[in-house]
Protein backbone atom coordinates (compact mmCIF):
# COMPACT_ATOMS: atom_id res chain seq x y z
CA MET A 1 -19.90 -7.63 11.43
CA LEU A 2 -18.15 -6.71 8.20
CA LEU A 3 -20.09 -5.35 5.27
CA ASN A 4 -19.79 -5.89 1.53
CA LYS A 5 -17.59 -2.77 1.35
CA GLU A 6 -14.98 -4.46 3.56
CA LYS A 7 -15.15 -7.65 1.48
CA ARG A 8 -14.48 -5.68 -1.70
CA LEU A 9 -11.60 -3.86 -0.03
CA ALA A 10 -10.19 -7.23 1.09
CA GLU A 11 -10.34 -8.39 -2.53
CA LYS A 12 -8.52 -5.27 -3.72
CA ILE A 13 -5.82 -5.75 -1.09
CA ALA A 14 -5.43 -9.45 -1.93
CA PHE A 15 -4.99 -8.61 -5.63
CA SER A 16 -2.38 -5.98 -4.79
CA PHE A 17 -0.11 -8.79 -3.54
CA LEU A 18 -0.53 -10.99 -6.64
CA GLY A 19 2.91 -12.21 -7.73
CA LYS A 20 4.66 -11.49 -4.40
CA PRO A 21 6.99 -14.33 -3.39
CA TYR A 22 6.06 -17.13 -1.02
CA LEU A 23 8.35 -17.08 2.01
CA TRP A 24 8.03 -19.61 4.86
CA GLY A 25 6.85 -17.71 7.94
CA GLY A 26 6.41 -14.59 5.81
CA ASP A 27 4.04 -11.86 6.92
CA ASP A 28 5.58 -8.83 5.23
CA PRO A 29 3.97 -7.06 2.25
CA MET A 30 7.41 -5.97 1.03
CA ALA A 31 9.31 -9.26 1.45
CA GLY A 32 6.66 -11.94 0.94
CA PHE A 33 4.12 -14.16 2.66
CA ASP A 34 3.37 -17.73 3.54
CA CYS A 35 -0.25 -18.85 3.21
CA SER A 36 -1.48 -17.75 6.62
CA GLY A 37 0.62 -14.57 6.60
CA PHE A 38 -1.09 -13.54 3.36
CA CYS A 39 -4.63 -14.19 4.64
CA ILE A 40 -3.86 -12.54 7.99
CA GLU A 41 -2.58 -9.38 6.27
CA VAL A 42 -5.70 -9.16 4.09
CA LEU A 43 -8.03 -9.68 7.06
CA LYS A 44 -6.16 -7.25 9.34
CA SER A 45 -6.34 -4.62 6.60
CA VAL A 46 -10.14 -4.58 6.75
CA GLY A 47 -10.53 -5.01 10.52
CA ALA A 48 -11.51 -8.69 10.50
CA LEU A 49 -8.55 -9.46 12.79
CA PRO A 50 -6.89 -7.35 15.48
CA LEU A 51 -3.63 -5.68 14.45
CA ARG A 52 -1.78 -7.68 17.10
CA GLY A 53 -1.98 -11.44 17.46
CA ASP A 54 -0.34 -14.64 16.35
CA TRP A 55 -2.35 -16.89 14.05
CA THR A 56 -1.60 -19.96 11.99
CA ALA A 57 -3.66 -21.57 9.23
CA HIS A 58 -4.95 -24.01 11.85
CA SER A 59 -5.99 -21.29 14.32
CA LEU A 60 -7.69 -19.28 11.55
CA SER A 61 -9.82 -22.35 10.80
CA LYS A 62 -11.31 -22.11 14.31
CA LEU A 63 -12.09 -18.37 14.43
CA TRP A 64 -15.26 -18.19 12.31
CA PRO A 65 -18.22 -20.44 11.51
CA GLU A 66 -17.67 -23.22 9.01
CA THR A 67 -19.72 -22.89 5.85
CA TYR A 68 -20.75 -25.52 3.32
CA ASN A 69 -21.48 -22.92 0.65
CA PRO A 70 -18.13 -21.27 -0.07
CA SER A 71 -18.32 -17.86 -1.66
CA PHE A 72 -16.37 -14.65 -2.08
CA GLY A 73 -14.51 -13.73 1.10
CA CYS A 74 -14.45 -17.18 2.66
CA LEU A 75 -11.22 -18.87 3.67
CA ALA A 76 -10.48 -22.31 2.21
CA PHE A 77 -8.46 -24.75 4.32
CA TRP A 78 -6.46 -27.84 3.39
CA GLY A 79 -5.05 -30.57 5.62
CA SER A 80 -6.88 -32.61 8.20
CA SER A 81 -9.19 -31.69 11.05
CA ALA A 82 -6.27 -32.40 13.40
CA LYS A 83 -3.83 -30.17 11.49
CA ILE A 84 -4.71 -27.56 8.90
CA THR A 85 -1.71 -27.10 6.62
CA HIS A 86 -2.80 -24.45 4.10
CA VAL A 87 -5.26 -21.55 3.76
CA GLU A 88 -6.35 -19.30 0.87
CA PHE A 89 -8.86 -16.47 0.30
CA MET A 90 -11.86 -17.35 -1.90
CA LEU A 91 -12.61 -15.04 -4.84
CA ASP A 92 -15.89 -16.83 -5.58
CA ASN A 93 -17.09 -20.44 -5.24
CA LYS A 94 -14.48 -21.77 -7.72
CA TYR A 95 -11.29 -19.69 -7.44
CA SER A 96 -8.97 -18.73 -4.61
CA ILE A 97 -5.97 -16.48 -4.21
CA GLY A 98 -3.15 -17.44 -1.89
CA ALA A 99 0.54 -17.84 -1.24
CA SER A 100 1.41 -21.32 -2.49
CA GLY A 101 4.03 -23.50 -4.09
CA GLY A 102 6.55 -23.27 -1.28
CA GLY A 103 7.16 -24.88 2.06
CA SER A 104 9.49 -24.87 5.03
CA LYS A 105 12.54 -24.75 2.73
CA THR A 106 11.33 -21.60 0.95
CA LYS A 107 13.29 -19.02 2.92
CA THR A 108 14.56 -16.60 0.28
CA VAL A 109 13.21 -14.93 -2.83
CA GLN A 110 15.57 -17.11 -4.87
CA ASP A 111 14.05 -20.21 -3.24
CA ALA A 112 10.59 -18.92 -4.19
CA ILE A 113 11.71 -18.35 -7.79
CA ASN A 114 13.23 -21.84 -7.99
CA GLN A 115 10.04 -23.42 -6.60
CA ASN A 116 7.53 -21.30 -8.55
CA ALA A 117 6.17 -20.19 -5.17
CA TYR A 118 4.22 -16.94 -5.09
CA ILE A 119 0.78 -15.44 -4.52
CA LYS A 120 -1.38 -16.80 -7.30
CA ILE A 121 -4.98 -17.46 -8.32
CA ARG A 122 -6.01 -21.07 -8.87
CA PRO A 123 -9.25 -23.06 -9.26
CA ILE A 124 -10.04 -25.19 -6.24
CA LYS A 125 -11.77 -28.03 -8.14
CA HIS A 126 -8.64 -30.20 -8.40
CA ARG A 127 -7.33 -29.35 -4.94
CA GLN A 128 -10.39 -30.15 -2.78
CA PRO A 129 -10.20 -28.03 0.38
CA LEU A 130 -11.09 -29.77 3.63
CA MET A 131 -13.31 -26.95 4.87
CA PHE A 132 -14.32 -23.31 4.49
CA ASN A 133 -15.10 -20.61 7.01
CA ASN A 134 -16.41 -17.11 6.63
CA PRO A 135 -14.68 -14.20 8.39
CA PHE A 136 -17.37 -11.93 6.89
CA PHE A 137 -20.21 -13.90 8.48
CA GLU A 138 -23.02 -11.56 9.43
CA PHE A 139 -24.95 -12.50 12.56
């Protein structure tokens, strides 16, 4: 069970990566992140995930209870129930922060620059996530 203190720390960590480049398969705070690499780093930093493990956006969607009332700290998922293709960290019920704009061809910082791919904050209203789950769910 993670407390409000851990959620606020997760937010602070997420904001510290704002502007870092999107890199396909990226999970490195110095080099860049892909969408799941970013969320995994934030969650590991506050103890919501073990330090060792291999997760994808799809596997993250199965780890915690789904919620129909997204709020701060939830993860937002895009794709289909058969294959989640993108994940971001919710800042409240309208905005998320995540590594976006790139894809499998975004392998260098120059690629990220050319594709405008980086960690950014965006409203979710025009992007309609498929589902939300809450890694800070308190039992």
